[in-house]
Structure formats: structure tokens, C-alpha cells
Amino acid sequence: MTIDILDDQRVRVRVKTGIEVELILNDGTRIAGSVFIGKEERVQDILNHPNPFFPLRQKNQEILLVAKSAVAVCKPLDSPG
């Protein structure tokens, strides 16, 4: 869940769903974990967003910030809902 404070009076709460993915990096390293997408988003929307990094939660609960430029393949392993 993310919370955006829009101004002094309004707050927007966005609930996100974890999607299991396997990443293959440019150097061949494989990383499995979860990326988080909003209700109307797809995994590819995260990859196409202009931010150069995205968070990935590994199975041990550690959060990695992954550089999109280092990702060769992102394979979703499940779908929301």
C-alpha cells in the first residue's frame, strides 16, 4: 500500500498487489521475487514507467531496487486476483 499526501486536506491510498516474477539480468543473473502493481496496472507498466528503478521483494523479505537498464527478461510467474 502506498499513501500519497496530496495537500493538507486530501490523502490518496493506493493498494498494490504483489506479482511473482523472475528477472534475468544482462549478466545472466536470475532473481526471483515480487513486484507491486496497482489495480489497473500490469507488470509491463512498471517496466515502461520513466523511473529508472523499481522495487523487488525477495522471498527472504529483503527489498532490492533494480535498475531497469540491467533487466534483460522479466517473466511474470502469476497474475493478480
C-alpha atoms as a PDB file:
ATOM      1  CA  MET A   1       0.000   0.000   0.000  1.00  0.00           C
ATOM      2  CA  THR A   2       1.243   3.462  -0.789  1.00  0.00           C
ATOM      3  CA  ILE A   3      -0.064   6.684   0.672  1.00  0.00           C
ATOM      4  CA  ASP A   4       0.123   9.937  -1.266  1.00  0.00           C
ATOM      5  CA  ILE A   5      -0.423  13.174   0.623  1.00  0.00           C
ATOM      6  CA  LEU A   6      -1.939  15.462  -1.984  1.00  0.00           C
ATOM      7  CA  ASP A   7      -2.338  18.528   0.246  1.00  0.00           C
ATOM      8  CA  ASP A   8      -3.338  19.349   3.839  1.00  0.00           C
ATOM      9  CA  GLN A   9      -6.895  18.052   3.368  1.00  0.00           C
ATOM     10  CA  ARG A  10      -6.624  15.091   1.000  1.00  0.00           C
ATOM     11  CA  VAL A  11      -4.814  11.773   1.181  1.00  0.00           C
ATOM     12  CA  ARG A  12      -4.880   9.073  -1.507  1.00  0.00           C
ATOM     13  CA  VAL A  13      -4.256   5.459  -0.541  1.00  0.00           C
ATOM     14  CA  ARG A  14      -3.246   3.067  -3.314  1.00  0.00           C
ATOM     15  CA  VAL A  15      -3.444  -0.660  -2.660  1.00  0.00           C
ATOM     16  CA  LYS A  16      -0.973  -2.722  -4.662  1.00  0.00           C
ATOM     17  CA  THR A  17      -0.812  -6.436  -5.363  1.00  0.00           C
ATOM     18  CA  GLY A  18       2.412  -8.430  -5.301  1.00  0.00           C
ATOM     19  CA  ILE A  19       3.133 -10.339  -8.513  1.00  0.00           C
ATOM     20  CA  GLU A  20       5.792 -13.044  -8.519  1.00  0.00           C
ATOM     21  CA  VAL A  21       8.378 -12.562 -11.255  1.00  0.00           C
ATOM     22  CA  GLU A  22      11.684 -13.996 -12.347  1.00  0.00           C
ATOM     23  CA  LEU A  23      14.219 -11.487 -13.622  1.00  0.00           C
ATOM     24  CA  ILE A  24      17.156 -12.346 -15.831  1.00  0.00           C
ATOM     25  CA  LEU A  25      19.718  -9.577 -15.746  1.00  0.00           C
ATOM     26  CA  ASN A  26      22.031  -8.592 -18.595  1.00  0.00           C
ATOM     27  CA  ASP A  27      24.887 -10.543 -16.966  1.00  0.00           C
ATOM     28  CA  GLY A  28      22.760 -13.734 -16.747  1.00  0.00           C
ATOM     29  CA  THR A  29      21.950 -13.435 -13.027  1.00  0.00           C
ATOM     30  CA  ARG A  30      18.481 -14.739 -12.138  1.00  0.00           C
ATOM     31  CA  ILE A  31      16.470 -13.111  -9.354  1.00  0.00           C
ATOM     32  CA  ALA A  32      13.015 -14.156  -8.162  1.00  0.00           C
ATOM     33  CA  GLY A  33      10.695 -12.001  -6.122  1.00  0.00           C
ATOM     34  CA  SER A  34       7.580  -9.835  -6.174  1.00  0.00           C
ATOM     35  CA  VAL A  35       6.906  -6.544  -7.904  1.00  0.00           C
ATOM     36  CA  PHE A  36       3.907  -4.483  -6.882  1.00  0.00           C
ATOM     37  CA  ILE A  37       1.231  -3.263  -9.230  1.00  0.00           C
ATOM     38  CA  GLY A  38      -1.900  -1.197  -8.769  1.00  0.00           C
ATOM     39  CA  LYS A  39      -5.410  -2.377  -9.553  1.00  0.00           C
ATOM     40  CA  GLU A  40      -5.341  -1.291 -13.202  1.00  0.00           C
ATOM     41  CA  GLU A  41      -1.624  -1.927 -13.833  1.00  0.00           C
ATOM     42  CA  ARG A  42       0.341  -4.701 -15.493  1.00  0.00           C
ATOM     43  CA  VAL A  43       3.940  -5.743 -14.821  1.00  0.00           C
ATOM     44  CA  GLN A  44       4.971  -4.180 -18.134  1.00  0.00           C
ATOM     45  CA  ASP A  45       3.586  -0.836 -16.914  1.00  0.00           C
ATOM     46  CA  ILE A  46       6.210  -0.820 -14.159  1.00  0.00           C
ATOM     47  CA  LEU A  47       8.945  -1.562 -16.681  1.00  0.00           C
ATOM     48  CA  ASN A  48       7.707   1.156 -19.058  1.00  0.00           C
ATOM     49  CA  HIS A  49       7.363   3.829 -16.345  1.00  0.00           C
ATOM     50  CA  PRO A  50      10.031   6.552 -16.601  1.00  0.00           C
ATOM     51  CA  ASN A  51      11.525   5.820 -13.147  1.00  0.00           C
ATOM     52  CA  PRO A  52      14.918   4.133 -13.715  1.00  0.00           C
ATOM     53  CA  PHE A  53      14.451   1.702 -10.785  1.00  0.00           C
ATOM     54  CA  PHE A  54      11.693  -0.483  -9.348  1.00  0.00           C
ATOM     55  CA  PRO A  55      11.455  -2.318  -6.026  1.00  0.00           C
ATOM     56  CA  LEU A  56      11.568  -6.115  -5.902  1.00  0.00           C
ATOM     57  CA  ARG A  57      10.782  -8.001  -2.688  1.00  0.00           C
ATOM     58  CA  GLN A  58      12.734 -11.229  -2.462  1.00  0.00           C
ATOM     59  CA  LYS A  59      11.427 -14.350  -0.714  1.00  0.00           C
ATOM     60  CA  ASN A  60      13.565 -13.502   2.349  1.00  0.00           C
ATOM     61  CA  GLN A  61      11.595 -10.187   2.530  1.00  0.00           C
ATOM     62  CA  GLU A  62      14.580  -8.044   1.525  1.00  0.00           C
ATOM     63  CA  ILE A  63      13.764  -5.229  -0.892  1.00  0.00           C
ATOM     64  CA  LEU A  64      16.073  -4.644  -3.854  1.00  0.00           C
ATOM     65  CA  LEU A  65      15.966  -1.577  -6.063  1.00  0.00           C
ATOM     66  CA  VAL A  66      16.508  -2.965  -9.538  1.00  0.00           C
ATOM     67  CA  ALA A  67      17.851  -0.805 -12.349  1.00  0.00           C
ATOM     68  CA  LYS A  68      15.577  -1.292 -15.346  1.00  0.00           C
ATOM     69  CA  SER A  69      18.585  -0.919 -17.630  1.00  0.00           C
ATOM     70  CA  ALA A  70      20.041  -4.111 -16.083  1.00  0.00           C
ATOM     71  CA  VAL A  71      16.955  -6.255 -16.825  1.00  0.00           C
ATOM     72  CA  ALA A  72      17.107  -8.460 -19.932  1.00  0.00           C
ATOM     73  CA  VAL A  73      13.969 -10.529 -19.164  1.00  0.00           C
ATOM     74  CA  CYS A  74      11.096 -10.132 -16.716  1.00  0.00           C
ATOM     75  CA  LYS A  75       8.864 -13.188 -16.591  1.00  0.00           C
ATOM     76  CA  PRO A  76       5.640 -12.924 -14.503  1.00  0.00           C
ATOM     77  CA  LEU A  77       5.027 -16.210 -12.681  1.00  0.00           C
ATOM     78  CA  ASP A  78       1.447 -15.469 -11.588  1.00  0.00           C
ATOM     79  CA  SER A  79      -1.262 -12.891 -12.150  1.00  0.00           C
ATOM     80  CA  PRO A  80      -3.275 -10.732  -9.717  1.00  0.00           C
ATOM     81  CA  GLY A  81      -6.636 -11.690  -8.367  1.00  0.00           C
END
